[in-house]
Amino acid sequence: MVLAGNNPASKIYIRKKAEACRKIGIGFKLYIFRERIGERDLKKEIGKIARDPGISGIIIQLPLPFSDPKKIQDILNTVPPEKDADVLSENNFEKFSKGRLKIMPPTVGAVVALLRKYGISLKGKYVVIVGAGRLVGKPLAIWMALQKANFSILDKNTEDLSCFTKKADILISGVGKPDLIKGEMVREGAVVIDVGISKKNGKTLGDVNFKSVSKKASFITPIIGGVGPMTVACLIENLIKLNR
């Protein structure tokens, strides 16, 4: 695991990933780099890690302390495809987008697993994805397109979120903004999957206001113990599949 910076939400995920690895006997090592590390230096360090034959999988924890998306992607591309359990390199992500990769981005895997577990079909449903980020919204949209699902993806430029969310049979939010989705924005009987996570005043929060939305939803994931653990489990599954 590679961490550059001091993001509070990142630390939560790192701790959970470390616990999951140790629980099933997978070696785990965290490489921490200062927030002000340069792109070239970080790529060099990741390259050293990648060349270690004793390391079978590499995760670069996002967000990285760079504003330029191209720089961030260049760093993610430093991870060899055969060690890219997070599906963040351009090589693996392109294969995934064409349905030619044996693993899925962990967040997508988590959402898919939940839908299958509870028998929630996409057929005849309208899916709304809130957030178009690299970790949640974008890969989920690609997977929905591969399934030929009827869906919309909303981003920061969408003026009226509720215009879409009120019509959603399945609503998935992965922005990382507390209480973004409130009860009045959700239709009765909707399936609501909260993938967002953030920290505020020491508390872990999701995108969905659970108290108000749970009164209307037919299915809703909790803020703690919902999609997060499933994402970690799918990441571990990816690591195993890459090393078969």
C-alpha atoms as a PDB file:
ATOM      1  CA  MET A   1       0.000   0.000   0.000  1.00  0.00           C
ATOM      2  CA  VAL A   2       1.341   3.412  -1.010  1.00  0.00           C
ATOM      3  CA  LEU A   3       0.149   6.518   0.832  1.00  0.00           C
ATOM      4  CA  ALA A   4       1.231  10.044  -0.059  1.00  0.00           C
ATOM      5  CA  GLY A   5      -0.251  12.695   2.208  1.00  0.00           C
ATOM      6  CA  ASN A   6      -2.480  12.654   5.261  1.00  0.00           C
ATOM      7  CA  ASN A   7      -6.097  12.228   4.100  1.00  0.00           C
ATOM      8  CA  PRO A   8      -8.331  11.118   7.041  1.00  0.00           C
ATOM      9  CA  ALA A   9     -10.675   8.990   4.889  1.00  0.00           C
ATOM     10  CA  SER A  10      -7.653   7.259   3.319  1.00  0.00           C
ATOM     11  CA  LYS A  11      -6.462   6.172   6.744  1.00  0.00           C
ATOM     12  CA  ILE A  12      -9.801   4.461   7.406  1.00  0.00           C
ATOM     13  CA  TYR A  13      -9.543   2.421   4.219  1.00  0.00           C
ATOM     14  CA  ILE A  14      -5.886   1.586   4.801  1.00  0.00           C
ATOM     15  CA  ARG A  15      -6.639   0.269   8.280  1.00  0.00           C
ATOM     16  CA  LYS A  16      -9.473  -1.907   6.973  1.00  0.00           C
ATOM     17  CA  LYS A  17      -7.360  -3.270   4.124  1.00  0.00           C
ATOM     18  CA  ALA A  18      -4.498  -4.089   6.498  1.00  0.00           C
ATOM     19  CA  GLU A  19      -6.869  -5.888   8.874  1.00  0.00           C
ATOM     20  CA  ALA A  20      -8.415  -7.909   6.031  1.00  0.00           C
ATOM     21  CA  CYS A  21      -5.017  -8.988   4.701  1.00  0.00           C
ATOM     22  CA  ARG A  22      -3.705 -10.039   8.079  1.00  0.00           C
ATOM     23  CA  LYS A  23      -6.907 -11.904   8.880  1.00  0.00           C
ATOM     24  CA  ILE A  24      -6.467 -14.283   5.950  1.00  0.00           C
ATOM     25  CA  GLY A  25      -2.684 -14.472   5.977  1.00  0.00           C
ATOM     26  CA  ILE A  26      -1.711 -12.000   3.245  1.00  0.00           C
ATOM     27  CA  GLY A  27       1.423  -9.996   3.989  1.00  0.00           C
ATOM     28  CA  PHE A  28       0.775  -6.248   4.199  1.00  0.00           C
ATOM     29  CA  LYS A  29       3.235  -3.368   4.102  1.00  0.00           C
ATOM     30  CA  LEU A  30       2.450   0.348   4.098  1.00  0.00           C
ATOM     31  CA  TYR A  31       4.817   2.766   2.348  1.00  0.00           C
ATOM     32  CA  ILE A  32       4.219   6.339   3.541  1.00  0.00           C
ATOM     33  CA  PHE A  33       5.545   9.359   1.636  1.00  0.00           C
ATOM     34  CA  ARG A  34       5.354  13.030   2.542  1.00  0.00           C
ATOM     35  CA  GLU A  35       2.561  15.090   1.037  1.00  0.00           C
ATOM     36  CA  ARG A  36       4.988  17.351  -0.805  1.00  0.00           C
ATOM     37  CA  ILE A  37       6.806  14.552  -2.610  1.00  0.00           C
ATOM     38  CA  GLY A  38       7.314  15.303  -6.294  1.00  0.00           C
ATOM     39  CA  GLU A  39       5.718  13.274  -9.064  1.00  0.00           C
ATOM     40  CA  ARG A  40       9.061  12.004 -10.368  1.00  0.00           C
ATOM     41  CA  ASP A  41      10.255  10.916  -6.932  1.00  0.00           C
ATOM     42  CA  LEU A  42       6.974   9.137  -6.154  1.00  0.00           C
ATOM     43  CA  LYS A  43       7.062   7.276  -9.480  1.00  0.00           C
ATOM     44  CA  LYS A  44      10.652   6.221  -8.782  1.00  0.00           C
ATOM     45  CA  GLU A  45       9.697   4.866  -5.347  1.00  0.00           C
ATOM     46  CA  ILE A  46       6.690   2.980  -6.710  1.00  0.00           C
ATOM     47  CA  GLY A  47       8.907   1.549  -9.434  1.00  0.00           C
ATOM     48  CA  LYS A  48      11.227   0.121  -6.777  1.00  0.00           C
ATOM     49  CA  ILE A  49       8.276  -1.449  -4.976  1.00  0.00           C
ATOM     50  CA  ALA A  50       6.939  -2.892  -8.243  1.00  0.00           C
ATOM     51  CA  ARG A  51      10.242  -4.602  -9.015  1.00  0.00           C
ATOM     52  CA  ASP A  52      10.237  -6.498  -5.729  1.00  0.00           C
ATOM     53  CA  PRO A  53       9.352 -10.120  -6.647  1.00  0.00           C
ATOM     54  CA  GLY A  54       8.016 -10.671  -3.135  1.00  0.00           C
ATOM     55  CA  ILE A  55       5.218  -8.151  -3.705  1.00  0.00           C
ATOM     56  CA  SER A  56       2.267  -9.516  -5.663  1.00  0.00           C
ATOM     57  CA  GLY A  57      -0.077  -6.544  -5.520  1.00  0.00           C
ATOM     58  CA  ILE A  58       0.242  -2.759  -5.204  1.00  0.00           C
ATOM     59  CA  ILE A  59      -2.407  -0.260  -4.165  1.00  0.00           C
ATOM     60  CA  ILE A  60      -1.885   3.486  -4.473  1.00  0.00           C
ATOM     61  CA  GLN A  61      -4.304   5.072  -2.036  1.00  0.00           C
ATOM     62  CA  LEU A  62      -6.266   7.957  -3.540  1.00  0.00           C
ATOM     63  CA  PRO A  63      -6.473  10.900  -3.372  1.00  0.00           C
ATOM     64  CA  LEU A  64      -2.894  11.810  -4.239  1.00  0.00           C
ATOM     65  CA  PRO A  65      -1.527  15.282  -3.378  1.00  0.00           C
ATOM     66  CA  PHE A  66      -1.533  16.466  -6.997  1.00  0.00           C
ATOM     67  CA  SER A  67      -4.118  18.586  -8.810  1.00  0.00           C
ATOM     68  CA  ASP A  68      -3.192  17.583 -12.368  1.00  0.00           C
ATOM     69  CA  PRO A  69      -5.221  14.479 -13.413  1.00  0.00           C
ATOM     70  CA  LYS A  70      -2.530  13.555 -15.962  1.00  0.00           C
ATOM     71  CA  LYS A  71       0.156  13.480 -13.271  1.00  0.00           C
ATOM     72  CA  ILE A  72      -2.048  11.317 -11.080  1.00  0.00           C
ATOM     73  CA  GLN A  73      -2.723   8.880 -13.916  1.00  0.00           C
ATOM     74  CA  ASP A  74       0.985   8.717 -14.792  1.00  0.00           C
ATOM     75  CA  ILE A  75       1.684   7.676 -11.199  1.00  0.00           C
ATOM     76  CA  LEU A  76      -1.084   5.064 -11.246  1.00  0.00           C
ATOM     77  CA  ASN A  77       0.350   3.693 -14.500  1.00  0.00           C
ATOM     78  CA  THR A  78       3.590   2.920 -12.658  1.00  0.00           C
ATOM     79  CA  VAL A  79       1.879  -0.149 -11.175  1.00  0.00           C
ATOM     80  CA  PRO A  80       2.336  -3.160 -13.494  1.00  0.00           C
ATOM     81  CA  PRO A  81      -1.000  -4.557 -14.786  1.00  0.00           C
ATOM     82  CA  GLU A  82      -0.332  -7.942 -13.178  1.00  0.00           C
ATOM     83  CA  LYS A  83      -0.016  -6.233  -9.760  1.00  0.00           C
ATOM     84  CA  ASP A  84      -2.851  -3.719 -10.222  1.00  0.00           C
ATOM     85  CA  ALA A  85      -5.539  -5.120  -7.905  1.00  0.00           C
ATOM     86  CA  ASP A  86      -7.329  -1.743  -7.793  1.00  0.00           C
ATOM     87  CA  VAL A  87      -7.742  -1.500 -11.619  1.00  0.00           C
ATOM     88  CA  LEU A  88      -6.405   2.050 -11.656  1.00  0.00           C
ATOM     89  CA  SER A  89      -3.752   1.776 -14.377  1.00  0.00           C
ATOM     90  CA  GLU A  90      -4.853   2.847 -17.874  1.00  0.00           C
ATOM     91  CA  ASN A  91      -3.978  -0.588 -19.217  1.00  0.00           C
ATOM     92  CA  ASN A  92      -6.260  -2.507 -16.858  1.00  0.00           C
ATOM     93  CA  PHE A  93      -9.003   0.119 -16.847  1.00  0.00           C
ATOM     94  CA  GLU A  94      -9.225   0.017 -20.647  1.00  0.00           C
ATOM     95  CA  LYS A  95      -9.509  -3.784 -20.583  1.00  0.00           C
ATOM     96  CA  PHE A  96     -12.231  -3.509 -17.930  1.00  0.00           C
ATOM     97  CA  SER A  97     -14.154  -0.947 -20.020  1.00  0.00           C
ATOM     98  CA  LYS A  98     -14.178  -3.434 -22.906  1.00  0.00           C
ATOM     99  CA  GLY A  99     -15.225  -6.334 -20.697  1.00  0.00           C
ATOM    100  CA  ARG A 100     -11.889  -8.082 -21.188  1.00  0.00           C
ATOM    101  CA  LEU A 101     -10.480  -8.049 -17.638  1.00  0.00           C
ATOM    102  CA  LYS A 102     -10.893 -10.960 -15.216  1.00  0.00           C
ATOM    103  CA  ILE A 103     -11.242  -8.572 -12.256  1.00  0.00           C
ATOM    104  CA  MET A 104     -13.420  -5.500 -11.600  1.00  0.00           C
ATOM    105  CA  PRO A 105     -12.623  -2.257  -9.790  1.00  0.00           C
ATOM    106  CA  PRO A 106     -13.291  -3.117  -6.116  1.00  0.00           C
ATOM    107  CA  THR A 107     -16.096  -0.590  -5.697  1.00  0.00           C
ATOM    108  CA  VAL A 108     -17.893  -1.977  -8.735  1.00  0.00           C
ATOM    109  CA  GLY A 109     -17.367  -5.494  -7.417  1.00  0.00           C
ATOM    110  CA  ALA A 110     -18.869  -4.463  -4.071  1.00  0.00           C
ATOM    111  CA  VAL A 111     -21.985  -2.928  -5.620  1.00  0.00           C
ATOM    112  CA  VAL A 112     -22.454  -5.897  -7.955  1.00  0.00           C
ATOM    113  CA  ALA A 113     -22.080  -8.335  -5.050  1.00  0.00           C
ATOM    114  CA  LEU A 114     -24.712  -6.472  -3.019  1.00  0.00           C
ATOM    115  CA  LEU A 115     -27.182  -6.371  -5.916  1.00  0.00           C
ATOM    116  CA  ARG A 116     -26.744 -10.093  -6.544  1.00  0.00           C
ATOM    117  CA  LYS A 117     -26.885 -11.035  -2.870  1.00  0.00           C
ATOM    118  CA  TYR A 118     -30.240  -9.342  -2.381  1.00  0.00           C
ATOM    119  CA  GLY A 119     -31.680 -10.312  -5.766  1.00  0.00           C
ATOM    120  CA  ILE A 120     -31.888  -6.756  -7.104  1.00  0.00           C
ATOM    121  CA  SER A 121     -32.112  -6.871 -10.893  1.00  0.00           C
ATOM    122  CA  LEU A 122     -31.254  -4.024 -13.260  1.00  0.00           C
ATOM    123  CA  LYS A 123     -33.875  -5.127 -15.756  1.00  0.00           C
ATOM    124  CA  GLY A 124     -36.519  -2.461 -16.242  1.00  0.00           C
ATOM    125  CA  LYS A 125     -34.899  -0.236 -13.588  1.00  0.00           C
ATOM    126  CA  TYR A 126     -33.629   3.330 -13.858  1.00  0.00           C
ATOM    127  CA  VAL A 127     -30.249   3.708 -12.157  1.00  0.00           C
ATOM    128  CA  VAL A 128     -28.841   7.058 -11.034  1.00  0.00           C
ATOM    129  CA  ILE A 129     -25.168   7.356 -10.109  1.00  0.00           C
ATOM    130  CA  VAL A 130     -24.239  10.496  -8.178  1.00  0.00           C
ATOM    131  CA  GLY A 131     -20.592  11.415  -8.663  1.00  0.00           C
ATOM    132  CA  ALA A 132     -18.398  10.804 -11.701  1.00  0.00           C
ATOM    133  CA  GLY A 133     -15.097  10.190  -9.931  1.00  0.00           C
ATOM    134  CA  ARG A 134     -12.403   7.732 -10.931  1.00  0.00           C
ATOM    135  CA  LEU A 135     -12.988   5.371  -7.998  1.00  0.00           C
ATOM    136  CA  VAL A 136     -16.780   5.107  -7.960  1.00  0.00           C
ATOM    137  CA  GLY A 137     -18.876   6.902 -10.554  1.00  0.00           C
ATOM    138  CA  LYS A 138     -16.825   6.384 -13.698  1.00  0.00           C
ATOM    139  CA  PRO A 139     -16.177   2.626 -13.329  1.00  0.00           C
ATOM    140  CA  LEU A 140     -19.773   2.033 -12.198  1.00  0.00           C
ATOM    141  CA  ALA A 141     -21.058   3.866 -15.270  1.00  0.00           C
ATOM    142  CA  ILE A 142     -18.852   1.707 -17.500  1.00  0.00           C
ATOM    143  CA  TRP A 143     -20.145  -1.463 -15.844  1.00  0.00           C
ATOM    144  CA  MET A 144     -23.755  -0.270 -16.208  1.00  0.00           C
ATOM    145  CA  ALA A 145     -23.126   0.389 -19.903  1.00  0.00           C
ATOM    146  CA  LEU A 146     -21.681  -3.117 -20.316  1.00  0.00           C
ATOM    147  CA  GLN A 147     -24.892  -4.475 -18.737  1.00  0.00           C
ATOM    148  CA  LYS A 148     -26.946  -2.298 -21.110  1.00  0.00           C
ATOM    149  CA  ALA A 149     -28.662  -0.756 -18.088  1.00  0.00           C
ATOM    150  CA  ASN A 150     -30.791   2.397 -18.214  1.00  0.00           C
ATOM    151  CA  PHE A 151     -28.770   4.869 -16.153  1.00  0.00           C
ATOM    152  CA  SER A 152     -27.685   8.482 -15.664  1.00  0.00           C
ATOM    153  CA  ILE A 153     -24.457   9.701 -14.077  1.00  0.00           C
ATOM    154  CA  LEU A 154     -24.529  13.054 -12.293  1.00  0.00           C
ATOM    155  CA  ASP A 155     -21.505  15.230 -11.568  1.00  0.00           C
ATOM    156  CA  LYS A 156     -20.710  18.608 -10.020  1.00  0.00           C
ATOM    157  CA  ASN A 157     -22.171  20.379 -13.072  1.00  0.00           C
ATOM    158  CA  THR A 158     -25.618  18.821 -12.625  1.00  0.00           C
ATOM    159  CA  GLU A 159     -27.812  21.698 -11.465  1.00  0.00           C
ATOM    160  CA  ASP A 160     -30.733  19.840  -9.887  1.00  0.00           C
ATOM    161  CA  LEU A 161     -29.771  16.455  -8.457  1.00  0.00           C
ATOM    162  CA  SER A 162     -33.250  15.777  -7.071  1.00  0.00           C
ATOM    163  CA  CYS A 163     -34.762  16.003 -10.559  1.00  0.00           C
ATOM    164  CA  PHE A 164     -32.924  12.736 -11.308  1.00  0.00           C
ATOM    165  CA  THR A 165     -32.722  11.109  -7.882  1.00  0.00           C
ATOM    166  CA  LYS A 166     -36.494  11.256  -7.351  1.00  0.00           C
ATOM    167  CA  LYS A 167     -36.959   9.084 -10.440  1.00  0.00           C
ATOM    168  CA  ALA A 168     -34.297   6.500  -9.566  1.00  0.00           C
ATOM    169  CA  ASP A 169     -35.237   2.895  -8.861  1.00  0.00           C
ATOM    170  CA  ILE A 170     -31.627   2.332  -7.833  1.00  0.00           C
ATOM    171  CA  LEU A 171     -29.634   5.265  -6.458  1.00  0.00           C
ATOM    172  CA  ILE A 172     -25.878   4.990  -5.933  1.00  0.00           C
ATOM    173  CA  SER A 173     -23.903   7.884  -4.436  1.00  0.00           C
ATOM    174  CA  GLY A 174     -20.122   8.080  -4.247  1.00  0.00           C
ATOM    175  CA  VAL A 175     -19.208  11.731  -3.803  1.00  0.00           C
ATOM    176  CA  GLY A 176     -17.844  11.918  -0.263  1.00  0.00           C
ATOM    177  CA  LYS A 177     -20.103  14.803   0.796  1.00  0.00           C
ATOM    178  CA  PRO A 178     -22.045  14.334   4.068  1.00  0.00           C
ATOM    179  CA  ASP A 179     -25.859  14.358   3.843  1.00  0.00           C
ATOM    180  CA  LEU A 180     -25.835  15.046   0.113  1.00  0.00           C
ATOM    181  CA  ILE A 181     -28.825  12.739  -0.395  1.00  0.00           C
ATOM    182  CA  LYS A 182     -31.828  13.523   1.817  1.00  0.00           C
ATOM    183  CA  GLY A 183     -35.183  11.818   2.239  1.00  0.00           C
ATOM    184  CA  GLU A 184     -37.098  14.268   0.041  1.00  0.00           C
ATOM    185  CA  MET A 185     -34.716  13.460  -2.846  1.00  0.00           C
ATOM    186  CA  VAL A 186     -35.597   9.753  -2.946  1.00  0.00           C
ATOM    187  CA  ARG A 187     -38.672   7.991  -4.289  1.00  0.00           C
ATOM    188  CA  GLU A 188     -40.653   5.533  -2.177  1.00  0.00           C
ATOM    189  CA  GLY A 189     -39.276   1.993  -2.436  1.00  0.00           C
ATOM    190  CA  ALA A 190     -35.947   2.962  -4.030  1.00  0.00           C
ATOM    191  CA  VAL A 191     -32.760   0.949  -3.563  1.00  0.00           C
ATOM    192  CA  VAL A 192     -30.091   3.266  -2.110  1.00  0.00           C
ATOM    193  CA  ILE A 193     -26.399   2.364  -2.046  1.00  0.00           C
ATOM    194  CA  ASP A 194     -24.092   4.764  -0.206  1.00  0.00           C
ATOM    195  CA  VAL A 195     -20.494   4.527  -1.418  1.00  0.00           C
ATOM    196  CA  GLY A 196     -19.411   7.974  -0.196  1.00  0.00           C
ATOM    197  CA  ILE A 197     -17.284   8.374   2.907  1.00  0.00           C
ATOM    198  CA  SER A 198     -15.930  11.417   4.693  1.00  0.00           C
ATOM    199  CA  LYS A 199     -14.824  12.523   8.145  1.00  0.00           C
ATOM    200  CA  LYS A 200     -16.370  15.425  10.055  1.00  0.00           C
ATOM    201  CA  ASN A 201     -15.628  16.298  13.681  1.00  0.00           C
ATOM    202  CA  GLY A 202     -14.116  12.853  14.130  1.00  0.00           C
ATOM    203  CA  LYS A 203     -17.217  11.077  12.814  1.00  0.00           C
ATOM    204  CA  THR A 204     -17.377   8.855   9.730  1.00  0.00           C
ATOM    205  CA  LEU A 205     -20.189  10.006   7.473  1.00  0.00           C
ATOM    206  CA  GLY A 206     -21.727   8.863   4.195  1.00  0.00           C
ATOM    207  CA  ASP A 207     -23.375  10.764   1.344  1.00  0.00           C
ATOM    208  CA  VAL A 208     -26.831   9.604   2.405  1.00  0.00           C
ATOM    209  CA  ASN A 209     -28.789  10.957   5.349  1.00  0.00           C
ATOM    210  CA  PHE A 210     -29.615   7.499   6.677  1.00  0.00           C
ATOM    211  CA  LYS A 211     -32.331   8.592   9.105  1.00  0.00           C
ATOM    212  CA  SER A 212     -34.547  10.288   6.523  1.00  0.00           C
ATOM    213  CA  VAL A 213     -33.765   8.114   3.487  1.00  0.00           C
ATOM    214  CA  SER A 214     -34.209   4.783   5.289  1.00  0.00           C
ATOM    215  CA  LYS A 215     -37.872   5.658   5.919  1.00  0.00           C
ATOM    216  CA  LYS A 216     -38.524   5.563   2.169  1.00  0.00           C
ATOM    217  CA  ALA A 217     -35.978   3.093   0.755  1.00  0.00           C
ATOM    218  CA  SER A 218     -36.777  -0.598   0.258  1.00  0.00           C
ATOM    219  CA  PHE A 219     -33.049  -1.336   0.623  1.00  0.00           C
ATOM    220  CA  ILE A 220     -30.306   0.894   1.990  1.00  0.00           C
ATOM    221  CA  THR A 221     -26.678   0.298   2.905  1.00  0.00           C
ATOM    222  CA  PRO A 222     -25.491   1.544   6.306  1.00  0.00           C
ATOM    223  CA  ILE A 223     -22.751   4.138   6.639  1.00  0.00           C
ATOM    224  CA  ILE A 224     -20.637   1.816   8.773  1.00  0.00           C
ATOM    225  CA  GLY A 225     -20.380  -1.820   7.704  1.00  0.00           C
ATOM    226  CA  GLY A 226     -21.991  -1.365   4.284  1.00  0.00           C
ATOM    227  CA  VAL A 227     -20.149  -0.958   0.992  1.00  0.00           C
ATOM    228  CA  GLY A 228     -16.766  -0.323   2.672  1.00  0.00           C
ATOM    229  CA  PRO A 229     -16.098  -3.878   3.917  1.00  0.00           C
ATOM    230  CA  MET A 230     -17.422  -5.294   0.634  1.00  0.00           C
ATOM    231  CA  THR A 231     -14.979  -3.116  -1.310  1.00  0.00           C
ATOM    232  CA  VAL A 232     -12.077  -4.390   0.785  1.00  0.00           C
ATOM    233  CA  ALA A 233     -13.241  -7.992   0.274  1.00  0.00           C
ATOM    234  CA  CYS A 234     -13.408  -7.456  -3.501  1.00  0.00           C
ATOM    235  CA  LEU A 235      -9.921  -5.945  -3.485  1.00  0.00           C
ATOM    236  CA  ILE A 236      -8.578  -9.063  -1.745  1.00  0.00           C
ATOM    237  CA  GLU A 237     -10.462 -11.230  -4.236  1.00  0.00           C
ATOM    238  CA  ASN A 238      -8.807  -9.310  -7.092  1.00  0.00           C
ATOM    239  CA  LEU A 239      -5.378  -9.880  -5.573  1.00  0.00           C
ATOM    240  CA  ILE A 240      -6.028 -13.625  -5.412  1.00  0.00           C
ATOM    241  CA  LYS A 241      -7.331 -13.771  -8.995  1.00  0.00           C
ATOM    242  CA  LEU A 242      -4.287 -11.896 -10.301  1.00  0.00           C
ATOM    243  CA  ASN A 243      -1.983 -14.408  -8.653  1.00  0.00           C
ATOM    244  CA  ARG A 244      -3.666 -17.660  -9.692  1.00  0.00           C
END
